[in-house]
Amino acid sequence: EALACGETRKEIPWEQWGPKGSHVLGNNTGHSTVWVCYVFGTRYV
């Protein structure tokens, strides 16, 4: 929504969107690659 009207190919660096707009998990368990119902709405299991 912050893009100018008609603006394309804008590169948005990680520092602009990631630190305050995401959460990162780095672990050896991870989620299933077969049972894909691990996210629904705003929840992740």
PDB file of all heavy atoms in Angstrom:
ATOM      1  N   GLU A   1       0.817  -1.213   0.000  1.00  0.00           N
ATOM      2  CA  GLU A   1       0.000   0.000   0.000  1.00  0.00           C
ATOM      3  C   GLU A   1       0.853   1.267   0.000  1.00  0.00           C
ATOM      4  O   GLU A   1       0.363   2.341  -0.356  1.00  0.00           O
ATOM      5  CB  GLU A   1      -0.924  -0.009   1.211  1.00  0.00           C
ATOM      6  CG  GLU A   1      -2.018  -1.088   1.127  1.00  0.00           C
ATOM      7  CD  GLU A   1      -2.749  -1.286   2.436  1.00  0.00           C
ATOM      8  OE1 GLU A   1      -2.346  -0.644   3.438  1.00  0.00           O
ATOM      9  OE2 GLU A   1      -3.714  -2.078   2.467  1.00  0.00           O
ATOM     10  N   ALA A   2       2.125   1.140   0.390  1.00  0.00           N
ATOM     11  CA  ALA A   2       3.017   2.299   0.408  1.00  0.00           C
ATOM     12  C   ALA A   2       3.643   2.580  -0.955  1.00  0.00           C
ATOM     13  O   ALA A   2       4.294   3.614  -1.138  1.00  0.00           O
ATOM     14  CB  ALA A   2       4.124   2.085   1.448  1.00  0.00           C
ATOM     15  N   LEU A   3       3.457   1.673  -1.922  1.00  0.00           N
ATOM     16  CA  LEU A   3       4.012   1.880  -3.249  1.00  0.00           C
ATOM     17  C   LEU A   3       3.276   3.016  -3.955  1.00  0.00           C
ATOM     18  O   LEU A   3       2.073   3.200  -3.779  1.00  0.00           O
ATOM     19  CB  LEU A   3       3.897   0.605  -4.085  1.00  0.00           C
ATOM     20  CG  LEU A   3       4.677  -0.615  -3.589  1.00  0.00           C
ATOM     21  CD1 LEU A   3       4.381  -1.813  -4.483  1.00  0.00           C
ATOM     22  CD2 LEU A   3       6.168  -0.330  -3.558  1.00  0.00           C
ATOM     23  N   ALA A   4       4.014   3.765  -4.754  1.00  0.00           N
ATOM     24  CA  ALA A   4       3.397   4.827  -5.550  1.00  0.00           C
ATOM     25  C   ALA A   4       2.519   4.213  -6.638  1.00  0.00           C
ATOM     26  O   ALA A   4       2.736   3.076  -7.054  1.00  0.00           O
ATOM     27  CB  ALA A   4       4.475   5.707  -6.172  1.00  0.00           C
ATOM     28  N   CYS A   5       1.531   4.949  -7.069  1.00  0.00           N
ATOM     29  CA  CYS A   5       0.610   4.456  -8.101  1.00  0.00           C
ATOM     30  C   CYS A   5       1.394   4.102  -9.366  1.00  0.00           C
ATOM     31  O   CYS A   5       2.140   4.924  -9.899  1.00  0.00           O
ATOM     32  CB  CYS A   5      -0.435   5.524  -8.404  1.00  0.00           C
ATOM     33  SG  CYS A   5      -1.665   5.009  -9.627  1.00  0.00           S
ATOM     34  N   GLY A   6       1.255   2.871  -9.816  1.00  0.00           N
ATOM     35  CA  GLY A   6       1.945   2.422 -11.016  1.00  0.00           C
ATOM     36  C   GLY A   6       3.376   1.983 -10.798  1.00  0.00           C
ATOM     37  O   GLY A   6       4.044   1.551 -11.748  1.00  0.00           O
ATOM     38  N   GLU A   7       3.871   2.077  -9.574  1.00  0.00           N
ATOM     39  CA  GLU A   7       5.255   1.687  -9.303  1.00  0.00           C
ATOM     40  C   GLU A   7       5.401   0.164  -9.372  1.00  0.00           C
ATOM     41  O   GLU A   7       4.568  -0.576  -8.867  1.00  0.00           O
ATOM     42  CB  GLU A   7       5.684   2.179  -7.910  1.00  0.00           C
ATOM     43  CG  GLU A   7       7.144   1.908  -7.577  1.00  0.00           C
ATOM     44  CD  GLU A   7       7.537   2.483  -6.230  1.00  0.00           C
ATOM     45  OE1 GLU A   7       6.627   2.912  -5.481  1.00  0.00           O
ATOM     46  OE2 GLU A   7       8.752   2.498  -5.916  1.00  0.00           O
ATOM     47  N   THR A   8       6.452  -0.301 -10.022  1.00  0.00           N
ATOM     48  CA  THR A   8       6.710  -1.733 -10.147  1.00  0.00           C
ATOM     49  C   THR A   8       8.184  -2.026  -9.880  1.00  0.00           C
ATOM     50  O   THR A   8       9.016  -1.115  -9.831  1.00  0.00           O
ATOM     51  CB  THR A   8       6.333  -2.256 -11.553  1.00  0.00           C
ATOM     52  OG1 THR A   8       7.135  -1.576 -12.524  1.00  0.00           O
ATOM     53  CG2 THR A   8       4.865  -2.052 -11.838  1.00  0.00           C
ATOM     54  N   ARG A   9       8.476  -3.313  -9.691  1.00  0.00           N
ATOM     55  CA  ARG A   9       9.844  -3.810  -9.510  1.00  0.00           C
ATOM     56  C   ARG A   9      10.565  -3.133  -8.345  1.00  0.00           C
ATOM     57  O   ARG A   9      11.777  -2.960  -8.366  1.00  0.00           O
ATOM     58  CB  ARG A   9      10.654  -3.651 -10.806  1.00  0.00           C
ATOM     59  CG  ARG A   9      10.119  -4.502 -11.952  1.00  0.00           C
ATOM     60  CD  ARG A   9      10.951  -4.315 -13.215  1.00  0.00           C
ATOM     61  NE  ARG A   9      10.478  -5.183 -14.280  1.00  0.00           N
ATOM     62  CZ  ARG A   9      10.936  -6.417 -14.500  1.00  0.00           C
ATOM     63  NH1 ARG A   9      11.892  -6.900 -13.711  1.00  0.00           N
ATOM     64  NH2 ARG A   9      10.466  -7.136 -15.485  1.00  0.00           N
ATOM     65  N   LYS A  10       9.809  -2.769  -7.325  1.00  0.00           N
ATOM     66  CA  LYS A  10      10.408  -2.139  -6.145  1.00  0.00           C
ATOM     67  C   LYS A  10      11.062  -3.221  -5.274  1.00  0.00           C
ATOM     68  O   LYS A  10      10.449  -4.243  -4.984  1.00  0.00           O
ATOM     69  CB  LYS A  10       9.316  -1.420  -5.338  1.00  0.00           C
ATOM     70  CG  LYS A  10       9.765  -0.885  -3.974  1.00  0.00           C
ATOM     71  CD  LYS A  10      10.539   0.390  -4.119  1.00  0.00           C
ATOM     72  CE  LYS A  10      10.910   0.990  -2.756  1.00  0.00           C
ATOM     73  NZ  LYS A  10       9.728   1.520  -2.044  1.00  0.00           N
ATOM     74  N   GLU A  11      12.295  -3.010  -4.884  1.00  0.00           N
ATOM     75  CA  GLU A  11      12.968  -3.941  -3.987  1.00  0.00           C
ATOM     76  C   GLU A  11      12.822  -3.449  -2.553  1.00  0.00           C
ATOM     77  O   GLU A  11      13.193  -2.320  -2.225  1.00  0.00           O
ATOM     78  CB  GLU A  11      14.451  -4.077  -4.331  1.00  0.00           C
ATOM     79  CG  GLU A  11      15.165  -5.082  -3.436  1.00  0.00           C
ATOM     80  CD  GLU A  11      16.589  -5.368  -3.860  1.00  0.00           C
ATOM     81  OE1 GLU A  11      16.787  -5.938  -4.951  1.00  0.00           O
ATOM     82  OE2 GLU A  11      17.511  -4.993  -3.093  1.00  0.00           O
ATOM     83  N   ILE A  12      12.253  -4.303  -1.707  1.00  0.00           N
ATOM     84  CA  ILE A  12      12.028  -3.952  -0.309  1.00  0.00           C
ATOM     85  C   ILE A  12      12.993  -4.759   0.543  1.00  0.00           C
ATOM     86  O   ILE A  12      12.838  -5.976   0.684  1.00  0.00           O
ATOM     87  CB  ILE A  12      10.569  -4.238   0.091  1.00  0.00           C
ATOM     88  CG1 ILE A  12       9.613  -3.484  -0.842  1.00  0.00           C
ATOM     89  CG2 ILE A  12      10.316  -3.855   1.544  1.00  0.00           C
ATOM     90  CD1 ILE A  12       8.151  -3.809  -0.631  1.00  0.00           C
ATOM     91  N   PRO A  13      14.010  -4.125   1.094  1.00  0.00           N
ATOM     92  CA  PRO A  13      15.030  -4.872   1.841  1.00  0.00           C
ATOM     93  C   PRO A  13      14.492  -5.454   3.136  1.00  0.00           C
ATOM     94  O   PRO A  13      13.508  -4.962   3.706  1.00  0.00           O
ATOM     95  CB  PRO A  13      16.111  -3.813   2.111  1.00  0.00           C
ATOM     96  CG  PRO A  13      15.377  -2.506   2.068  1.00  0.00           C
ATOM     97  CD  PRO A  13      14.289  -2.687   1.050  1.00  0.00           C
ATOM     98  N   TRP A  14      15.115  -6.516   3.613  1.00  0.00           N
ATOM     99  CA  TRP A  14      14.723  -7.197   4.840  1.00  0.00           C
ATOM    100  C   TRP A  14      14.611  -6.225   6.001  1.00  0.00           C
ATOM    101  O   TRP A  14      13.683  -6.304   6.799  1.00  0.00           O
ATOM    102  CB  TRP A  14      15.724  -8.294   5.158  1.00  0.00           C
ATOM    103  CG  TRP A  14      15.655  -8.799   6.563  1.00  0.00           C
ATOM    104  CD1 TRP A  14      16.486  -8.468   7.611  1.00  0.00           C
ATOM    105  CD2 TRP A  14      14.695  -9.730   7.105  1.00  0.00           C
ATOM    106  NE1 TRP A  14      16.106  -9.127   8.755  1.00  0.00           N
ATOM    107  CE2 TRP A  14      15.020  -9.904   8.467  1.00  0.00           C
ATOM    108  CE3 TRP A  14      13.610 -10.405   6.556  1.00  0.00           C
ATOM    109  CZ2 TRP A  14      14.275 -10.742   9.289  1.00  0.00           C
ATOM    110  CZ3 TRP A  14      12.870 -11.246   7.382  1.00  0.00           C
ATOM    111  CH2 TRP A  14      13.203 -11.410   8.725  1.00  0.00           C
ATOM    112  N   GLU A  15      15.540  -5.296   6.103  1.00  0.00           N
ATOM    113  CA  GLU A  15      15.550  -4.354   7.222  1.00  0.00           C
ATOM    114  C   GLU A  15      14.298  -3.497   7.268  1.00  0.00           C
ATOM    115  O   GLU A  15      13.932  -2.977   8.323  1.00  0.00           O
ATOM    116  CB  GLU A  15      16.794  -3.447   7.138  1.00  0.00           C
ATOM    117  CG  GLU A  15      18.113  -4.151   7.355  1.00  0.00           C
ATOM    118  CD  GLU A  15      18.544  -4.982   6.143  1.00  0.00           C
ATOM    119  OE1 GLU A  15      17.973  -4.762   5.033  1.00  0.00           O
ATOM    120  OE2 GLU A  15      19.429  -5.850   6.294  1.00  0.00           O
ATOM    121  N   GLN A  16      13.621  -3.360   6.156  1.00  0.00           N
ATOM    122  CA  GLN A  16      12.435  -2.509   6.089  1.00  0.00           C
ATOM    123  C   GLN A  16      11.162  -3.246   6.489  1.00  0.00           C
ATOM    124  O   GLN A  16      10.222  -2.628   6.989  1.00  0.00           O
ATOM    125  CB  GLN A  16      12.296  -1.942   4.677  1.00  0.00           C
ATOM    126  CG  GLN A  16      11.152  -0.959   4.497  1.00  0.00           C
ATOM    127  CD  GLN A  16      11.162  -0.310   3.133  1.00  0.00           C
ATOM    128  OE1 GLN A  16      12.225  -0.062   2.560  1.00  0.00           O
ATOM    129  NE2 GLN A  16       9.987  -0.047   2.585  1.00  0.00           N
ATOM    130  N   TRP A  17      11.132  -4.569   6.301  1.00  0.00           N
ATOM    131  CA  TRP A  17       9.885  -5.298   6.575  1.00  0.00           C
ATOM    132  C   TRP A  17      10.037  -6.434   7.584  1.00  0.00           C
ATOM    133  O   TRP A  17       9.082  -6.779   8.278  1.00  0.00           O
ATOM    134  CB  TRP A  17       9.301  -5.863   5.280  1.00  0.00           C
ATOM    135  CG  TRP A  17      10.089  -6.981   4.663  1.00  0.00           C
ATOM    136  CD1 TRP A  17      11.125  -6.862   3.774  1.00  0.00           C
ATOM    137  CD2 TRP A  17       9.908  -8.381   4.886  1.00  0.00           C
ATOM    138  NE1 TRP A  17      11.608  -8.101   3.432  1.00  0.00           N
ATOM    139  CE2 TRP A  17      10.869  -9.058   4.100  1.00  0.00           C
ATOM    140  CE3 TRP A  17       9.038  -9.134   5.670  1.00  0.00           C
ATOM    141  CZ2 TRP A  17      10.987 -10.446   4.077  1.00  0.00           C
ATOM    142  CZ3 TRP A  17       9.149 -10.525   5.647  1.00  0.00           C
ATOM    143  CH2 TRP A  17      10.116 -11.159   4.852  1.00  0.00           C
ATOM    144  N   GLY A  18      11.230  -7.019   7.685  1.00  0.00           N
ATOM    145  CA  GLY A  18      11.400  -8.225   8.482  1.00  0.00           C
ATOM    146  C   GLY A  18      11.473  -8.064   9.990  1.00  0.00           C
ATOM    147  O   GLY A  18      10.711  -8.714  10.728  1.00  0.00           O
ATOM    148  N   PRO A  19      12.382  -7.211  10.506  1.00  0.00           N
ATOM    149  CA  PRO A  19      12.574  -7.153  11.962  1.00  0.00           C
ATOM    150  C   PRO A  19      11.316  -6.834  12.756  1.00  0.00           C
ATOM    151  O   PRO A  19      11.077  -7.409  13.819  1.00  0.00           O
ATOM    152  CB  PRO A  19      13.635  -6.052  12.118  1.00  0.00           C
ATOM    153  CG  PRO A  19      14.410  -6.102  10.833  1.00  0.00           C
ATOM    154  CD  PRO A  19      13.383  -6.416   9.774  1.00  0.00           C
ATOM    155  N   LYS A  20      10.469  -5.918  12.275  1.00  0.00           N
ATOM    156  CA  LYS A  20       9.265  -5.535  13.003  1.00  0.00           C
ATOM    157  C   LYS A  20       7.996  -6.201  12.467  1.00  0.00           C
ATOM    158  O   LYS A  20       6.934  -6.051  13.068  1.00  0.00           O
ATOM    159  CB  LYS A  20       9.088  -4.009  12.956  1.00  0.00           C
ATOM    160  CG  LYS A  20      10.160  -3.243  13.726  1.00  0.00           C
ATOM    161  CD  LYS A  20       9.867  -1.753  13.727  1.00  0.00           C
ATOM    162  CE  LYS A  20      10.907  -0.987  14.544  1.00  0.00           C
ATOM    163  NZ  LYS A  20      10.622   0.466  14.580  1.00  0.00           N
ATOM    164  N   GLY A  21       8.118  -6.942  11.361  1.00  0.00           N
ATOM    165  CA  GLY A  21       6.920  -7.506  10.748  1.00  0.00           C
ATOM    166  C   GLY A  21       6.927  -8.999  10.578  1.00  0.00           C
ATOM    167  O   GLY A  21       6.096  -9.532   9.832  1.00  0.00           O
ATOM    168  N   SER A  22       7.843  -9.700  11.265  1.00  0.00           N
ATOM    169  CA  SER A  22       7.895 -11.146  11.116  1.00  0.00           C
ATOM    170  C   SER A  22       8.509 -11.775  12.367  1.00  0.00           C
ATOM    171  O   SER A  22       9.002 -11.078  13.250  1.00  0.00           O
ATOM    172  CB  SER A  22       8.733 -11.536   9.888  1.00  0.00           C
ATOM    173  OG  SER A  22      10.107 -11.261  10.119  1.00  0.00           O
ATOM    174  N   HIS A  23       8.455 -13.091  12.407  1.00  0.00           N
ATOM    175  CA  HIS A  23       9.105 -13.857  13.473  1.00  0.00           C
ATOM    176  C   HIS A  23       9.823 -15.028  12.816  1.00  0.00           C
ATOM    177  O   HIS A  23       9.247 -15.699  11.944  1.00  0.00           O
ATOM    178  CB  HIS A  23       8.084 -14.357  14.494  1.00  0.00           C
ATOM    179  CG  HIS A  23       8.695 -15.019  15.686  1.00  0.00           C
ATOM    180  ND1 HIS A  23       9.395 -14.323  16.645  1.00  0.00           N
ATOM    181  CD2 HIS A  23       8.730 -16.316  16.064  1.00  0.00           C
ATOM    182  CE1 HIS A  23       9.825 -15.156  17.584  1.00  0.00           C
ATOM    183  NE2 HIS A  23       9.437 -16.377  17.251  1.00  0.00           N
ATOM    184  N   VAL A  24      11.072 -15.264  13.202  1.00  0.00           N
ATOM    185  CA  VAL A  24      11.885 -16.291  12.557  1.00  0.00           C
ATOM    186  C   VAL A  24      12.160 -17.420  13.533  1.00  0.00           C
ATOM    187  O   VAL A  24      12.539 -17.189  14.689  1.00  0.00           O
ATOM    188  CB  VAL A  24      13.217 -15.703  12.038  1.00  0.00           C
ATOM    189  CG1 VAL A  24      14.051 -16.799  11.364  1.00  0.00           C
ATOM    190  CG2 VAL A  24      12.952 -14.576  11.066  1.00  0.00           C
ATOM    191  N   LEU A  25      11.957 -18.658  13.050  1.00  0.00           N
ATOM    192  CA  LEU A  25      12.258 -19.845  13.838  1.00  0.00           C
ATOM    193  C   LEU A  25      13.345 -20.633  13.129  1.00  0.00           C
ATOM    194  O   LEU A  25      13.200 -20.988  11.959  1.00  0.00           O
ATOM    195  CB  LEU A  25      11.011 -20.730  13.988  1.00  0.00           C
ATOM    196  CG  LEU A  25       9.779 -20.099  14.640  1.00  0.00           C
ATOM    197  CD1 LEU A  25       8.611 -21.085  14.587  1.00  0.00           C
ATOM    198  CD2 LEU A  25      10.072 -19.707  16.076  1.00  0.00           C
ATOM    199  N   GLY A  26      14.431 -20.896  13.810  1.00  0.00           N
ATOM    200  CA  GLY A  26      15.491 -21.728  13.266  1.00  0.00           C
ATOM    201  C   GLY A  26      15.694 -22.922  14.180  1.00  0.00           C
ATOM    202  O   GLY A  26      16.228 -22.775  15.275  1.00  0.00           O
ATOM    203  N   ASN A  27      15.228 -24.090  13.776  1.00  0.00           N
ATOM    204  CA  ASN A  27      15.367 -25.274  14.634  1.00  0.00           C
ATOM    205  C   ASN A  27      15.498 -26.514  13.775  1.00  0.00           C
ATOM    206  O   ASN A  27      15.295 -26.488  12.569  1.00  0.00           O
ATOM    207  CB  ASN A  27      14.157 -25.395  15.571  1.00  0.00           C
ATOM    208  CG  ASN A  27      12.839 -25.418  14.824  1.00  0.00           C
ATOM    209  OD1 ASN A  27      12.601 -26.277  14.007  1.00  0.00           O
ATOM    210  ND2 ASN A  27      11.978 -24.438  15.106  1.00  0.00           N
ATOM    211  N   ASN A  28      15.849 -27.611  14.427  1.00  0.00           N
ATOM    212  CA  ASN A  28      16.060 -28.873  13.716  1.00  0.00           C
ATOM    213  C   ASN A  28      14.781 -29.684  13.573  1.00  0.00           C
ATOM    214  O   ASN A  28      14.759 -30.693  12.882  1.00  0.00           O
ATOM    215  CB  ASN A  28      17.112 -29.722  14.447  1.00  0.00           C
ATOM    216  CG  ASN A  28      18.491 -29.082  14.405  1.00  0.00           C
ATOM    217  OD1 ASN A  28      18.878 -28.519  13.393  1.00  0.00           O
ATOM    218  ND2 ASN A  28      19.225 -29.154  15.498  1.00  0.00           N
ATOM    219  N   THR A  29      13.721 -29.286  14.280  1.00  0.00           N
ATOM    220  CA  THR A  29      12.468 -30.049  14.220  1.00  0.00           C
ATOM    221  C   THR A  29      11.653 -29.629  13.012  1.00  0.00           C
ATOM    222  O   THR A  29      11.412 -30.413  12.099  1.00  0.00           O
ATOM    223  CB  THR A  29      11.645 -29.847  15.501  1.00  0.00           C
ATOM    224  OG1 THR A  29      12.432 -30.232  16.630  1.00  0.00           O
ATOM    225  CG2 THR A  29      10.392 -30.690  15.461  1.00  0.00           C
ATOM    226  N   GLY A  30      11.237 -28.382  13.000  1.00  0.00           N
ATOM    227  CA  GLY A  30      10.456 -27.884  11.882  1.00  0.00           C
ATOM    228  C   GLY A  30       9.094 -28.538  11.790  1.00  0.00           C
ATOM    229  O   GLY A  30       8.716 -29.359  12.614  1.00  0.00           O
ATOM    230  N   HIS A  31       8.344 -28.133  10.782  1.00  0.00           N
ATOM    231  CA  HIS A  31       7.009 -28.680  10.590  1.00  0.00           C
ATOM    232  C   HIS A  31       7.048 -29.820   9.574  1.00  0.00           C
ATOM    233  O   HIS A  31       8.048 -30.046   8.893  1.00  0.00           O
ATOM    234  CB  HIS A  31       6.038 -27.595  10.136  1.00  0.00           C
ATOM    235  CG  HIS A  31       6.477 -26.894   8.881  1.00  0.00           C
ATOM    236  ND1 HIS A  31       6.491 -27.504   7.656  1.00  0.00           N
ATOM    237  CD2 HIS A  31       6.924 -25.632   8.673  1.00  0.00           C
ATOM    238  CE1 HIS A  31       6.914 -26.661   6.742  1.00  0.00           C
ATOM    239  NE2 HIS A  31       7.195 -25.512   7.326  1.00  0.00           N
ATOM    240  N   SER A  32       5.944 -30.511   9.474  1.00  0.00           N
ATOM    241  CA  SER A  32       5.841 -31.644   8.558  1.00  0.00           C
ATOM    242  C   SER A  32       5.813 -31.157   7.117  1.00  0.00           C
ATOM    243  O   SER A  32       5.257 -30.109   6.799  1.00  0.00           O
ATOM    244  CB  SER A  32       4.576 -32.449   8.857  1.00  0.00           C
ATOM    245  OG  SER A  32       4.344 -33.418   7.857  1.00  0.00           O
ATOM    246  N   THR A  33       6.433 -31.939   6.226  1.00  0.00           N
ATOM    247  CA  THR A  33       6.357 -31.642   4.797  1.00  0.00           C
ATOM    248  C   THR A  33       5.244 -32.431   4.130  1.00  0.00           C
ATOM    249  O   THR A  33       4.978 -32.246   2.942  1.00  0.00           O
ATOM    250  CB  THR A  33       7.687 -31.991   4.109  1.00  0.00           C
ATOM    251  OG1 THR A  33       7.987 -33.377   4.336  1.00  0.00           O
ATOM    252  CG2 THR A  33       8.824 -31.137   4.666  1.00  0.00           C
ATOM    253  N   VAL A  34       4.596 -33.314   4.885  1.00  0.00           N
ATOM    254  CA  VAL A  34       3.506 -34.139   4.356  1.00  0.00           C
ATOM    255  C   VAL A  34       2.161 -33.637   4.869  1.00  0.00           C
ATOM    256  O   VAL A  34       1.232 -33.374   4.114  1.00  0.00           O
ATOM    257  CB  VAL A  34       3.702 -35.618   4.726  1.00  0.00           C
ATOM    258  CG1 VAL A  34       2.544 -36.447   4.201  1.00  0.00           C
ATOM    259  CG2 VAL A  34       5.022 -36.138   4.171  1.00  0.00           C
ATOM    260  N   TRP A  35       2.065 -33.481   6.200  1.00  0.00           N
ATOM    261  CA  TRP A  35       0.842 -32.975   6.804  1.00  0.00           C
ATOM    262  C   TRP A  35       0.916 -31.452   6.795  1.00  0.00           C
ATOM    263  O   TRP A  35       1.580 -30.839   7.617  1.00  0.00           O
ATOM    264  CB  TRP A  35       0.706 -33.511   8.229  1.00  0.00           C
ATOM    265  CG  TRP A  35      -0.582 -33.099   8.879  1.00  0.00           C
ATOM    266  CD1 TRP A  35      -0.749 -32.111   9.800  1.00  0.00           C
ATOM    267  CD2 TRP A  35      -1.880 -33.655   8.650  1.00  0.00           C
ATOM    268  NE1 TRP A  35      -2.069 -31.995  10.154  1.00  0.00           N
ATOM    269  CE2 TRP A  35      -2.792 -32.938   9.463  1.00  0.00           C
ATOM    270  CE3 TRP A  35      -2.362 -34.677   7.836  1.00  0.00           C
ATOM    271  CZ2 TRP A  35      -4.149 -33.224   9.484  1.00  0.00           C
ATOM    272  CZ3 TRP A  35      -3.715 -34.955   7.861  1.00  0.00           C
ATOM    273  CH2 TRP A  35      -4.588 -34.237   8.686  1.00  0.00           C
ATOM    274  N   VAL A  36       0.233 -30.829   5.841  1.00  0.00           N
ATOM    275  CA  VAL A  36       0.439 -29.405   5.588  1.00  0.00           C
ATOM    276  C   VAL A  36      -0.517 -28.508   6.368  1.00  0.00           C
ATOM    277  O   VAL A  36      -0.490 -27.291   6.204  1.00  0.00           O
ATOM    278  CB  VAL A  36       0.316 -29.101   4.077  1.00  0.00           C
ATOM    279  CG1 VAL A  36       1.411 -29.799   3.305  1.00  0.00           C
ATOM    280  CG2 VAL A  36      -1.061 -29.510   3.550  1.00  0.00           C
ATOM    281  N   CYS A  37      -1.376 -29.080   7.193  1.00  0.00           N
ATOM    282  CA  CYS A  37      -2.340 -28.257   7.939  1.00  0.00           C
ATOM    283  C   CYS A  37      -1.730 -27.745   9.239  1.00  0.00           C
ATOM    284  O   CYS A  37      -2.280 -27.935  10.315  1.00  0.00           O
ATOM    285  CB  CYS A  37      -3.608 -29.053   8.209  1.00  0.00           C
ATOM    286  SG  CYS A  37      -4.464 -29.576   6.707  1.00  0.00           S
ATOM    287  N   TYR A  38      -0.586 -27.078   9.128  1.00  0.00           N
ATOM    288  CA  TYR A  38       0.076 -26.549  10.318  1.00  0.00           C
ATOM    289  C   TYR A  38      -0.144 -25.050  10.478  1.00  0.00           C
ATOM    290  O   TYR A  38       0.373 -24.443  11.409  1.00  0.00           O
ATOM    291  CB  TYR A  38       1.576 -26.854  10.280  1.00  0.00           C
ATOM    292  CG  TYR A  38       2.245 -26.560   8.949  1.00  0.00           C
ATOM    293  CD1 TYR A  38       2.514 -25.254   8.544  1.00  0.00           C
ATOM    294  CD2 TYR A  38       2.603 -27.592   8.097  1.00  0.00           C
ATOM    295  CE1 TYR A  38       3.118 -24.989   7.339  1.00  0.00           C
ATOM    296  CE2 TYR A  38       3.217 -27.331   6.880  1.00  0.00           C
ATOM    297  CZ  TYR A  38       3.472 -26.030   6.508  1.00  0.00           C
ATOM    298  OH  TYR A  38       4.073 -25.770   5.296  1.00  0.00           O
ATOM    299  N   VAL A  39      -0.911 -24.446   9.559  1.00  0.00           N
ATOM    300  CA  VAL A  39      -1.221 -23.027   9.665  1.00  0.00           C
ATOM    301  C   VAL A  39      -2.674 -22.821   9.288  1.00  0.00           C
ATOM    302  O   VAL A  39      -3.187 -23.420   8.341  1.00  0.00           O
ATOM    303  CB  VAL A  39      -0.292 -22.181   8.762  1.00  0.00           C
ATOM    304  CG1 VAL A  39      -0.375 -22.629   7.305  1.00  0.00           C
ATOM    305  CG2 VAL A  39      -0.620 -20.700   8.889  1.00  0.00           C
ATOM    306  N   PHE A  40      -3.357 -21.966  10.070  1.00  0.00           N
ATOM    307  CA  PHE A  40      -4.728 -21.591   9.746  1.00  0.00           C
ATOM    308  C   PHE A  40      -4.992 -20.232  10.362  1.00  0.00           C
ATOM    309  O   PHE A  40      -4.778 -20.026  11.562  1.00  0.00           O
ATOM    310  CB  PHE A  40      -5.736 -22.605  10.280  1.00  0.00           C
ATOM    311  CG  PHE A  40      -7.129 -22.384   9.749  1.00  0.00           C
ATOM    312  CD1 PHE A  40      -7.519 -22.930   8.531  1.00  0.00           C
ATOM    313  CD2 PHE A  40      -8.039 -21.600  10.446  1.00  0.00           C
ATOM    314  CE1 PHE A  40      -8.799 -22.715   8.025  1.00  0.00           C
ATOM    315  CE2 PHE A  40      -9.315 -21.377   9.945  1.00  0.00           C
ATOM    316  CZ  PHE A  40      -9.693 -21.936   8.733  1.00  0.00           C
ATOM    317  N   GLY A  41      -5.436 -19.310   9.522  1.00  0.00           N
ATOM    318  CA  GLY A  41      -5.664 -17.960  10.031  1.00  0.00           C
ATOM    319  C   GLY A  41      -4.373 -17.344  10.517  1.00  0.00           C
ATOM    320  O   GLY A  41      -3.391 -17.241   9.778  1.00  0.00           O
ATOM    321  N   THR A  42      -4.348 -16.936  11.775  1.00  0.00           N
ATOM    322  CA  THR A  42      -3.155 -16.299  12.345  1.00  0.00           C
ATOM    323  C   THR A  42      -2.332 -17.262  13.196  1.00  0.00           C
ATOM    324  O   THR A  42      -1.401 -16.844  13.867  1.00  0.00           O
ATOM    325  CB  THR A  42      -3.563 -15.099  13.216  1.00  0.00           C
ATOM    326  OG1 THR A  42      -4.415 -15.556  14.291  1.00  0.00           O
ATOM    327  CG2 THR A  42      -4.294 -14.047  12.412  1.00  0.00           C
ATOM    328  N   ARG A  43      -2.666 -18.559  13.176  1.00  0.00           N
ATOM    329  CA  ARG A  43      -1.992 -19.516  14.059  1.00  0.00           C
ATOM    330  C   ARG A  43      -1.121 -20.508  13.288  1.00  0.00           C
ATOM    331  O   ARG A  43      -1.476 -20.959  12.199  1.00  0.00           O
ATOM    332  CB  ARG A  43      -3.016 -20.278  14.893  1.00  0.00           C
ATOM    333  CG  ARG A  43      -3.740 -19.402  15.897  1.00  0.00           C
ATOM    334  CD  ARG A  43      -4.660 -20.223  16.791  1.00  0.00           C
ATOM    335  NE  ARG A  43      -5.278 -19.405  17.823  1.00  0.00           N
ATOM    336  CZ  ARG A  43      -6.043 -19.874  18.786  1.00  0.00           C
ATOM    337  NH1 ARG A  43      -6.310 -21.170  18.840  1.00  0.00           N
ATOM    338  NH2 ARG A  43      -6.562 -19.071  19.696  1.00  0.00           N
ATOM    339  N   TYR A  44       0.002 -20.828  13.908  1.00  0.00           N
ATOM    340  CA  TYR A  44       0.949 -21.799  13.360  1.00  0.00           C
ATOM    341  C   TYR A  44       1.317 -22.771  14.473  1.00  0.00           C
ATOM    342  O   TYR A  44       1.617 -22.359  15.599  1.00  0.00           O
ATOM    343  CB  TYR A  44       2.192 -21.073  12.855  1.00  0.00           C
ATOM    344  CG  TYR A  44       3.368 -21.965  12.539  1.00  0.00           C
ATOM    345  CD1 TYR A  44       3.337 -22.828  11.449  1.00  0.00           C
ATOM    346  CD2 TYR A  44       4.527 -21.930  13.309  1.00  0.00           C
ATOM    347  CE1 TYR A  44       4.420 -23.640  11.136  1.00  0.00           C
ATOM    348  CE2 TYR A  44       5.613 -22.731  13.014  1.00  0.00           C
ATOM    349  CZ  TYR A  44       5.556 -23.589  11.923  1.00  0.00           C
ATOM    350  OH  TYR A  44       6.633 -24.391  11.632  1.00  0.00           O
ATOM    351  N   VAL A  45       1.273 -24.079  14.188  1.00  0.00           N
ATOM    352  CA  VAL A  45       1.574 -25.094  15.187  1.00  0.00           C
ATOM    353  C   VAL A  45       2.787 -25.896  14.731  1.00  0.00           C
ATOM    354  O   VAL A  45       2.930 -26.212  13.545  1.00  0.00           O
ATOM    355  CB  VAL A  45       0.360 -26.025  15.437  1.00  0.00           C
ATOM    356  CG1 VAL A  45      -0.036 -26.755  14.165  1.00  0.00           C
ATOM    357  CG2 VAL A  45       0.656 -27.014  16.564  1.00  0.00           C
TER     358      VAL A  45
END
